Amino acid sequence: MSLSYLPLDFFGPGSVVSTEEVVFRGVPLAGTDTARADTIVARLQQGLGSCGSQATIDLQIVALSLQGTTLIDVDLPTGRSSYQVRACLSSNPGPAGQPIGGLAPFWWTPPLA
């Protein structure tokens, strides 16, 4: 995912993100029946019943847990800082039919020492 959309000063006055792209990997969701699931998708209608048949149905991403594979670097007036990027779904999902509707703003945390 490109970080070029982040405005200057996003991390504070004088901050500039020097990392241009984040590659995400799945992180297991807590409390799911499938211990390694990082994404849960629900069908909103039934499709055709037989294997090999085709139908167009609406899907909804119910849960999502992603983390950047590397830290991003941010240049601040006080020096360079690195942050871990995570992404999940918003508690206020967007309208149906929008490809990324309901994606929460990313949150940024300093890496653990």
Protein backbone atom coordinates (compact mmCIF):
# COMPACT_ATOMS: atom_id res chain seq x y z
CA MET A 1 0.00 0.00 0.00
CA SER A 2 1.34 3.40 -0.94
CA LEU A 3 1.84 5.96 1.82
CA SER A 4 1.98 8.84 -0.67
CA TYR A 5 -1.52 9.93 0.37
CA LEU A 6 -0.34 10.88 3.87
CA PRO A 7 -0.17 14.66 4.19
CA LEU A 8 2.93 16.46 5.40
CA ASP A 9 2.91 16.89 9.17
CA PHE A 10 0.73 13.74 9.56
CA PHE A 11 2.85 12.59 12.52
CA GLY A 12 3.28 16.10 13.88
CA PRO A 13 4.66 19.47 12.79
CA GLY A 14 7.61 19.05 10.42
CA SER A 15 7.15 15.28 10.01
CA VAL A 16 7.80 13.56 6.69
CA VAL A 17 7.21 9.86 6.02
CA SER A 18 10.32 8.55 4.28
CA THR A 19 8.95 5.04 3.67
CA GLU A 20 6.99 4.97 0.41
CA GLU A 21 5.15 1.65 0.61
CA VAL A 22 3.92 -0.83 3.22
CA VAL A 23 3.50 -4.53 2.51
CA PHE A 24 1.00 -6.16 4.86
CA ARG A 25 0.77 -9.68 6.25
CA GLY A 26 -2.08 -11.24 8.16
CA VAL A 27 -2.06 -11.41 11.95
CA PRO A 28 -4.37 -13.99 13.59
CA LEU A 29 -7.59 -12.50 14.94
CA ALA A 30 -8.12 -12.95 18.66
CA GLY A 31 -11.17 -14.96 19.65
CA THR A 32 -11.83 -16.69 16.34
CA ASP A 33 -12.62 -20.37 15.92
CA THR A 34 -9.79 -20.69 13.43
CA ALA A 35 -6.59 -19.98 15.31
CA ARG A 36 -4.72 -18.61 12.29
CA ALA A 37 -7.53 -16.64 10.59
CA ASP A 38 -6.60 -13.01 9.83
CA THR A 39 -9.64 -12.22 7.66
CA ILE A 40 -13.28 -13.28 7.90
CA VAL A 41 -15.54 -12.84 4.85
CA ALA A 42 -19.31 -13.42 4.85
CA ARG A 43 -21.56 -14.13 1.86
CA LEU A 44 -24.58 -11.84 1.96
CA GLN A 45 -26.66 -14.05 -0.36
CA GLN A 46 -26.65 -17.71 -1.23
CA GLY A 47 -24.88 -18.61 -4.46
CA LEU A 48 -25.78 -21.48 -6.74
CA GLY A 49 -25.60 -24.76 -4.91
CA SER A 50 -23.55 -27.04 -7.14
CA CYS A 51 -19.79 -27.13 -7.42
CA GLY A 52 -18.55 -25.47 -10.61
CA SER A 53 -21.62 -23.26 -11.08
CA GLN A 54 -21.26 -19.48 -11.25
CA ALA A 55 -23.10 -16.65 -9.53
CA THR A 56 -22.43 -13.06 -8.52
CA ILE A 57 -23.02 -12.46 -4.83
CA ASP A 58 -22.23 -9.65 -2.42
CA LEU A 59 -19.49 -10.25 0.16
CA GLN A 60 -18.72 -8.43 3.38
CA ILE A 61 -15.38 -8.38 5.17
CA VAL A 62 -16.40 -9.05 8.76
CA ALA A 63 -12.98 -8.96 10.42
CA LEU A 64 -9.49 -8.01 9.29
CA SER A 65 -6.14 -8.00 11.07
CA LEU A 66 -3.07 -6.88 9.11
CA GLN A 67 0.39 -5.68 10.08
CA GLY A 68 3.17 -4.15 8.01
CA THR A 69 6.05 -6.53 7.32
CA THR A 70 8.59 -3.81 8.08
CA LEU A 71 8.68 -0.63 10.11
CA ILE A 72 8.07 2.71 8.44
CA ASP A 73 10.49 5.57 8.95
CA VAL A 74 9.30 9.06 9.79
CA ASP A 75 11.62 12.06 9.81
CA LEU A 76 10.74 14.44 12.64
CA PRO A 77 12.38 17.74 13.62
CA THR A 78 13.88 15.87 16.60
CA GLY A 79 15.22 12.97 14.48
CA ARG A 80 14.04 9.83 12.74
CA SER A 81 11.48 7.49 14.36
CA SER A 82 10.26 4.09 13.23
CA TYR A 83 6.69 2.84 13.57
CA GLN A 84 4.82 -0.43 13.16
CA VAL A 85 1.75 -0.12 10.90
CA ARG A 86 -1.44 -2.10 11.60
CA ALA A 87 -4.80 -2.12 9.84
CA CYS A 88 -8.23 -3.38 10.89
CA LEU A 89 -11.86 -2.69 10.07
CA SER A 90 -13.63 0.35 11.36
CA SER A 91 -16.49 -0.03 13.81
CA ASN A 92 -18.40 2.28 11.42
CA PRO A 93 -18.30 0.39 8.11
CA GLY A 94 -18.76 2.27 4.86
CA PRO A 95 -21.62 1.74 2.45
CA ALA A 96 -21.93 -1.63 0.73
CA GLY A 97 -20.33 -1.89 -2.66
CA GLN A 98 -17.33 0.30 -1.92
CA PRO A 99 -14.14 -1.73 -2.33
CA ILE A 100 -12.43 -0.33 0.79
CA GLY A 101 -15.47 1.03 2.61
CA GLY A 102 -15.11 0.48 6.32
CA LEU A 103 -11.34 0.25 6.44
CA ALA A 104 -10.22 1.88 9.64
CA PRO A 105 -7.55 4.52 9.60
CA PHE A 106 -4.24 2.82 10.17
CA TRP A 107 -2.70 3.12 13.55
CA TRP A 108 0.97 3.54 14.23
CA THR A 109 2.89 2.27 17.20
CA PRO A 110 6.58 2.53 18.00
CA PRO A 111 8.24 -0.90 17.82
CA LEU A 112 8.84 -2.79 21.03
CA ALA A 113 12.40 -2.51 22.28
